[in-house]
Amino acid sequence: MKGLPGNMDQILKEAQKMQERMAAMEEELAHETVEASAGGGIVTVVANGKQEILKIRIDPQVVDKADVEMLEDLILAAVNEARAKAQQMMKERLAKITGGLGGLGGLGLPGLM
């Protein structure tokens, strides 16, 4: 990086630090979870910060009572909410790391949310 004009060397160093912080954040998010439910807790979905669905719980008391179509709709609603929460958690963490650089004049940074 020697011989780069002006502050380019410093900018590249900062970009590398940011990349390292982002990698660490992704590792942390893989171990953090969010939970969402639908139908007053009939269906609950747990996802990690990488938006991977880890667990789906269905209240056993409703399985005999609920029709399958309603149960499928509740599962879908809970899964979508869990993914949305996981995505929001990731965006919040990313904003802390990038200091808001993700939205540079609407251009954004490639590969970032």
N, C-alpha and C. Protein backbone atom coordinates (compact mmCIF):
# COMPACT_ATOMS: atom_id res chain seq x y z
N MET A 1 0.81 -1.19 0.00
CA MET A 1 0.00 0.00 0.00
C MET A 1 0.86 1.25 0.00
N LYS A 2 2.14 1.10 -0.03
CA LYS A 2 3.02 2.27 -0.04
C LYS A 2 2.91 2.99 -1.38
N GLY A 3 3.09 4.27 -1.32
CA GLY A 3 3.11 5.05 -2.53
C GLY A 3 1.73 5.47 -3.01
N LEU A 4 0.69 5.20 -2.23
CA LEU A 4 -0.65 5.61 -2.63
C LEU A 4 -0.83 7.09 -2.33
N PRO A 5 -1.50 7.80 -3.20
CA PRO A 5 -1.66 9.24 -3.02
C PRO A 5 -2.53 9.59 -1.83
N GLY A 6 -2.19 10.72 -1.18
CA GLY A 6 -3.01 11.30 -0.13
C GLY A 6 -3.39 10.33 0.97
N ASN A 7 -4.65 10.34 1.27
CA ASN A 7 -5.18 9.51 2.35
C ASN A 7 -5.62 8.13 1.87
N MET A 8 -5.30 7.76 0.65
CA MET A 8 -5.75 6.48 0.10
C MET A 8 -5.26 5.31 0.95
N ASP A 9 -4.03 5.38 1.42
CA ASP A 9 -3.48 4.32 2.28
C ASP A 9 -4.33 4.18 3.54
N GLN A 10 -4.67 5.30 4.15
CA GLN A 10 -5.48 5.28 5.37
C GLN A 10 -6.89 4.75 5.07
N ILE A 11 -7.45 5.14 3.95
CA ILE A 11 -8.79 4.67 3.56
C ILE A 11 -8.79 3.17 3.38
N LEU A 12 -7.76 2.64 2.74
CA LEU A 12 -7.67 1.20 2.54
C LEU A 12 -7.52 0.45 3.87
N LYS A 13 -6.75 1.03 4.78
CA LYS A 13 -6.60 0.41 6.10
C LYS A 13 -7.93 0.39 6.84
N GLU A 14 -8.67 1.49 6.77
CA GLU A 14 -9.98 1.56 7.43
C GLU A 14 -10.95 0.57 6.80
N ALA A 15 -10.91 0.43 5.49
CA ALA A 15 -11.79 -0.53 4.80
C ALA A 15 -11.47 -1.95 5.25
N GLN A 16 -10.20 -2.25 5.42
CA GLN A 16 -9.81 -3.58 5.87
C GLN A 16 -10.29 -3.83 7.30
N LYS A 17 -10.18 -2.81 8.16
CA LYS A 17 -10.67 -2.94 9.54
C LYS A 17 -12.19 -3.17 9.54
N MET A 18 -12.89 -2.43 8.68
CA MET A 18 -14.33 -2.58 8.60
C MET A 18 -14.70 -3.99 8.15
N GLN A 19 -13.96 -4.51 7.19
CA GLN A 19 -14.22 -5.86 6.69
C GLN A 19 -14.00 -6.88 7.81
N GLU A 20 -12.98 -6.69 8.62
CA GLU A 20 -12.72 -7.60 9.73
C GLU A 20 -13.84 -7.52 10.77
N ARG A 21 -14.32 -6.29 11.05
CA ARG A 21 -15.42 -6.13 12.01
C ARG A 21 -16.69 -6.77 11.48
N MET A 22 -16.92 -6.66 10.18
CA MET A 22 -18.11 -7.26 9.58
C MET A 22 -18.06 -8.79 9.68
N ALA A 23 -16.89 -9.37 9.46
CA ALA A 23 -16.74 -10.82 9.56
C ALA A 23 -17.01 -11.27 11.00
N ALA A 24 -16.51 -10.50 11.96
CA ALA A 24 -16.75 -10.83 13.36
C ALA A 24 -18.23 -10.71 13.70
N MET A 25 -18.89 -9.68 13.15
CA MET A 25 -20.31 -9.48 13.38
C MET A 25 -21.11 -10.66 12.82
N GLU A 26 -20.77 -11.11 11.63
CA GLU A 26 -21.48 -12.24 11.03
C GLU A 26 -21.34 -13.49 11.90
N GLU A 27 -20.16 -13.69 12.47
CA GLU A 27 -19.95 -14.84 13.35
C GLU A 27 -20.81 -14.71 14.60
N GLU A 28 -20.88 -13.50 15.17
CA GLU A 28 -21.71 -13.28 16.35
C GLU A 28 -23.18 -13.52 16.03
N LEU A 29 -23.63 -13.01 14.88
CA LEU A 29 -25.04 -13.14 14.51
C LEU A 29 -25.45 -14.60 14.33
N ALA A 30 -24.52 -15.43 13.93
CA ALA A 30 -24.84 -16.85 13.75
C ALA A 30 -25.23 -17.49 15.08
N HIS A 31 -24.80 -16.87 16.20
CA HIS A 31 -25.06 -17.44 17.52
C HIS A 31 -26.17 -16.71 18.27
N GLU A 32 -26.72 -15.65 17.68
CA GLU A 32 -27.81 -14.91 18.32
C GLU A 32 -29.12 -15.30 17.67
N THR A 33 -30.18 -15.26 18.44
CA THR A 33 -31.47 -15.68 17.91
C THR A 33 -32.55 -14.62 18.13
N VAL A 34 -33.57 -14.70 17.28
CA VAL A 34 -34.79 -13.93 17.44
C VAL A 34 -35.93 -14.93 17.41
N GLU A 35 -37.05 -14.54 18.01
CA GLU A 35 -38.20 -15.42 18.08
C GLU A 35 -39.43 -14.64 17.65
N ALA A 36 -40.28 -15.28 16.88
CA ALA A 36 -41.53 -14.67 16.44
C ALA A 36 -42.64 -15.70 16.57
N SER A 37 -43.84 -15.19 16.86
CA SER A 37 -44.96 -16.12 16.99
C SER A 37 -46.17 -15.59 16.25
N ALA A 38 -47.10 -16.48 15.99
CA ALA A 38 -48.34 -16.12 15.32
C ALA A 38 -49.48 -16.88 15.98
N GLY A 39 -50.68 -16.34 15.83
CA GLY A 39 -51.85 -17.00 16.41
C GLY A 39 -51.84 -17.00 17.91
N GLY A 40 -51.34 -15.93 18.51
CA GLY A 40 -51.31 -15.86 19.97
C GLY A 40 -50.39 -16.88 20.61
N GLY A 41 -49.33 -17.26 19.88
CA GLY A 41 -48.36 -18.21 20.42
C GLY A 41 -48.60 -19.64 19.98
N ILE A 42 -49.55 -19.85 19.11
CA ILE A 42 -49.82 -21.21 18.62
C ILE A 42 -48.60 -21.74 17.86
N VAL A 43 -48.01 -20.86 17.04
CA VAL A 43 -46.82 -21.23 16.28
C VAL A 43 -45.71 -20.25 16.65
N THR A 44 -44.54 -20.77 16.96
CA THR A 44 -43.38 -19.94 17.28
C THR A 44 -42.21 -20.41 16.43
N VAL A 45 -41.49 -19.43 15.88
CA VAL A 45 -40.34 -19.72 15.03
C VAL A 45 -39.12 -19.02 15.62
N VAL A 46 -38.01 -19.73 15.65
CA VAL A 46 -36.75 -19.18 16.13
C VAL A 46 -35.78 -19.16 14.95
N ALA A 47 -35.14 -18.01 14.74
CA ALA A 47 -34.16 -17.86 13.66
C ALA A 47 -32.89 -17.25 14.25
N ASN A 48 -31.77 -17.50 13.57
CA ASN A 48 -30.54 -16.85 14.01
C ASN A 48 -30.33 -15.57 13.22
N GLY A 49 -29.28 -14.85 13.54
CA GLY A 49 -29.00 -13.58 12.89
C GLY A 49 -28.60 -13.70 11.44
N LYS A 50 -28.38 -14.92 10.98
CA LYS A 50 -28.08 -15.14 9.56
C LYS A 50 -29.35 -15.51 8.80
N GLN A 51 -30.49 -15.32 9.47
CA GLN A 51 -31.81 -15.57 8.90
C GLN A 51 -32.07 -17.04 8.61
N GLU A 52 -31.39 -17.92 9.32
CA GLU A 52 -31.64 -19.35 9.21
C GLU A 52 -32.67 -19.75 10.25
N ILE A 53 -33.69 -20.48 9.83
CA ILE A 53 -34.72 -20.94 10.75
C ILE A 53 -34.15 -22.12 11.55
N LEU A 54 -34.15 -21.98 12.87
CA LEU A 54 -33.56 -22.99 13.75
C LEU A 54 -34.60 -23.91 14.36
N LYS A 55 -35.78 -23.37 14.63
CA LYS A 55 -36.77 -24.17 15.33
C LYS A 55 -38.17 -23.65 15.02
N ILE A 56 -39.11 -24.55 14.89
CA ILE A 56 -40.53 -24.22 14.78
C ILE A 56 -41.25 -25.01 15.87
N ARG A 57 -41.99 -24.29 16.71
CA ARG A 57 -42.76 -24.93 17.77
C ARG A 57 -44.24 -24.72 17.50
N ILE A 58 -45.02 -25.77 17.66
CA ILE A 58 -46.47 -25.69 17.50
C ILE A 58 -47.09 -26.15 18.81
N ASP A 59 -47.98 -25.34 19.35
CA ASP A 59 -48.66 -25.69 20.59
C ASP A 59 -49.44 -26.99 20.36
N PRO A 60 -49.09 -28.06 21.05
CA PRO A 60 -49.73 -29.36 20.81
C PRO A 60 -51.23 -29.35 21.07
N GLN A 61 -51.71 -28.44 21.88
CA GLN A 61 -53.13 -28.39 22.20
C GLN A 61 -53.99 -27.99 21.00
N VAL A 62 -53.39 -27.31 20.02
CA VAL A 62 -54.20 -26.83 18.89
C VAL A 62 -54.15 -27.75 17.68
N VAL A 63 -53.25 -28.68 17.67
CA VAL A 63 -53.10 -29.52 16.48
C VAL A 63 -54.39 -30.26 16.16
N ASP A 64 -55.06 -30.79 17.16
CA ASP A 64 -56.30 -31.50 16.91
C ASP A 64 -57.45 -30.56 16.55
N LYS A 65 -57.39 -29.33 17.03
CA LYS A 65 -58.48 -28.38 16.83
C LYS A 65 -58.34 -27.59 15.55
N ALA A 66 -57.12 -27.20 15.21
CA ALA A 66 -56.89 -26.31 14.08
C ALA A 66 -56.92 -27.09 12.77
N ASP A 67 -57.48 -26.46 11.76
CA ASP A 67 -57.40 -27.13 10.46
C ASP A 67 -56.01 -26.90 9.88
N VAL A 68 -55.60 -27.76 9.01
CA VAL A 68 -54.24 -27.75 8.47
C VAL A 68 -53.94 -26.44 7.74
N GLU A 69 -54.89 -25.93 6.97
CA GLU A 69 -54.65 -24.69 6.21
C GLU A 69 -54.36 -23.52 7.14
N MET A 70 -55.11 -23.41 8.23
CA MET A 70 -54.86 -22.33 9.18
C MET A 70 -53.48 -22.49 9.81
N LEU A 71 -53.14 -23.72 10.18
CA LEU A 71 -51.84 -23.99 10.79
C LEU A 71 -50.71 -23.62 9.83
N GLU A 72 -50.86 -23.96 8.55
CA GLU A 72 -49.85 -23.61 7.55
C GLU A 72 -49.71 -22.09 7.44
N ASP A 73 -50.83 -21.37 7.46
CA ASP A 73 -50.78 -19.90 7.39
C ASP A 73 -50.06 -19.31 8.60
N LEU A 74 -50.32 -19.87 9.78
CA LEU A 74 -49.66 -19.39 10.99
C LEU A 74 -48.15 -19.65 10.95
N ILE A 75 -47.78 -20.82 10.47
CA ILE A 75 -46.34 -21.14 10.35
C ILE A 75 -45.68 -20.17 9.39
N LEU A 76 -46.30 -19.94 8.26
CA LEU A 76 -45.75 -19.01 7.28
C LEU A 76 -45.60 -17.60 7.87
N ALA A 77 -46.61 -17.14 8.60
CA ALA A 77 -46.55 -15.81 9.21
C ALA A 77 -45.41 -15.73 10.23
N ALA A 78 -45.28 -16.75 11.06
CA ALA A 78 -44.22 -16.74 12.08
C ALA A 78 -42.84 -16.81 11.45
N VAL A 79 -42.68 -17.62 10.41
CA VAL A 79 -41.38 -17.73 9.72
C VAL A 79 -41.01 -16.38 9.11
N ASN A 80 -41.94 -15.75 8.44
CA ASN A 80 -41.64 -14.46 7.81
C ASN A 80 -41.30 -13.40 8.85
N GLU A 81 -41.99 -13.40 9.98
CA GLU A 81 -41.69 -12.43 11.03
C GLU A 81 -40.31 -12.69 11.63
N ALA A 82 -39.98 -13.95 11.86
CA ALA A 82 -38.66 -14.29 12.41
C ALA A 82 -37.55 -13.85 11.45
N ARG A 83 -37.73 -14.09 10.16
CA ARG A 83 -36.73 -13.67 9.18
C ARG A 83 -36.59 -12.16 9.15
N ALA A 84 -37.71 -11.45 9.22
CA ALA A 84 -37.68 -9.98 9.22
C ALA A 84 -36.94 -9.46 10.45
N LYS A 85 -37.19 -10.07 11.60
CA LYS A 85 -36.50 -9.65 12.83
C LYS A 85 -35.00 -9.93 12.72
N ALA A 86 -34.64 -11.07 12.17
CA ALA A 86 -33.22 -11.40 12.01
C ALA A 86 -32.56 -10.42 11.06
N GLN A 87 -33.24 -10.07 9.98
CA GLN A 87 -32.68 -9.12 9.03
C GLN A 87 -32.51 -7.75 9.67
N GLN A 88 -33.49 -7.31 10.48
CA GLN A 88 -33.38 -6.03 11.16
C GLN A 88 -32.21 -6.03 12.13
N MET A 89 -32.03 -7.14 12.86
CA MET A 89 -30.90 -7.25 13.79
C MET A 89 -29.59 -7.10 13.03
N MET A 90 -29.49 -7.74 11.87
CA MET A 90 -28.27 -7.66 11.07
C MET A 90 -28.04 -6.23 10.59
N LYS A 91 -29.08 -5.55 10.14
CA LYS A 91 -28.96 -4.17 9.66
C LYS A 91 -28.49 -3.24 10.77
N GLU A 92 -29.04 -3.44 11.97
CA GLU A 92 -28.64 -2.60 13.11
C GLU A 92 -27.17 -2.80 13.44
N ARG A 93 -26.72 -4.05 13.44
CA ARG A 93 -25.31 -4.33 13.72
C ARG A 93 -24.43 -3.74 12.63
N LEU A 94 -24.84 -3.88 11.39
CA LEU A 94 -24.06 -3.38 10.27
C LEU A 94 -23.95 -1.86 10.34
N ALA A 95 -25.02 -1.20 10.72
CA ALA A 95 -25.00 0.26 10.84
C ALA A 95 -24.00 0.70 11.90
N LYS A 96 -23.88 -0.06 12.99
CA LYS A 96 -22.91 0.27 14.04
C LYS A 96 -21.49 0.15 13.51
N ILE A 97 -21.25 -0.87 12.70
CA ILE A 97 -19.90 -1.10 12.19
C ILE A 97 -19.52 -0.11 11.11
N THR A 98 -20.44 0.14 10.19
CA THR A 98 -20.12 1.00 9.04
C THR A 98 -20.32 2.47 9.34
N GLY A 99 -20.93 2.79 10.47
CA GLY A 99 -21.18 4.18 10.78
C GLY A 99 -22.11 4.82 9.77
N GLY A 100 -23.02 4.05 9.20
CA GLY A 100 -23.97 4.58 8.25
C GLY A 100 -23.48 4.59 6.82
N LEU A 101 -22.32 4.01 6.53
CA LEU A 101 -21.80 4.02 5.17
C LEU A 101 -22.63 3.19 4.21
N GLY A 102 -23.48 2.30 4.71
CA GLY A 102 -24.29 1.45 3.86
C GLY A 102 -25.23 2.22 2.96
N GLY A 103 -25.50 3.48 3.28
CA GLY A 103 -26.44 4.24 2.48
C GLY A 103 -25.81 5.44 1.81
N LEU A 104 -24.60 5.40 1.44
CA LEU A 104 -23.90 6.52 0.82
C LEU A 104 -24.69 7.10 -0.34
N GLY A 105 -25.44 8.15 -0.06
CA GLY A 105 -26.17 8.81 -1.11
C GLY A 105 -27.06 7.87 -1.90
N GLY A 106 -27.58 6.84 -1.24
CA GLY A 106 -28.43 5.88 -1.93
C GLY A 106 -27.66 4.86 -2.73
N LEU A 107 -26.33 5.01 -2.81
CA LEU A 107 -25.54 4.08 -3.59
C LEU A 107 -25.30 2.77 -2.87
N GLY A 108 -25.13 2.87 -1.55
CA GLY A 108 -24.86 1.67 -0.77
C GLY A 108 -23.49 1.10 -1.05
N LEU A 109 -23.11 0.14 -0.28
CA LEU A 109 -21.85 -0.55 -0.48
C LEU A 109 -22.17 -1.92 -1.06
N PRO A 110 -21.46 -2.32 -2.07
CA PRO A 110 -21.74 -3.63 -2.69
C PRO A 110 -21.66 -4.75 -1.67
N GLY A 111 -22.63 -5.64 -1.74
CA GLY A 111 -22.64 -6.80 -0.87
C GLY A 111 -23.21 -6.54 0.51
N LEU A 112 -23.60 -5.31 0.79
CA LEU A 112 -24.16 -4.98 2.09
C LEU A 112 -25.65 -4.73 1.94
N MET A 113 -26.41 -5.41 2.73
CA MET A 113 -27.87 -5.29 2.81
C MET A 113 -28.40 -4.40 1.71
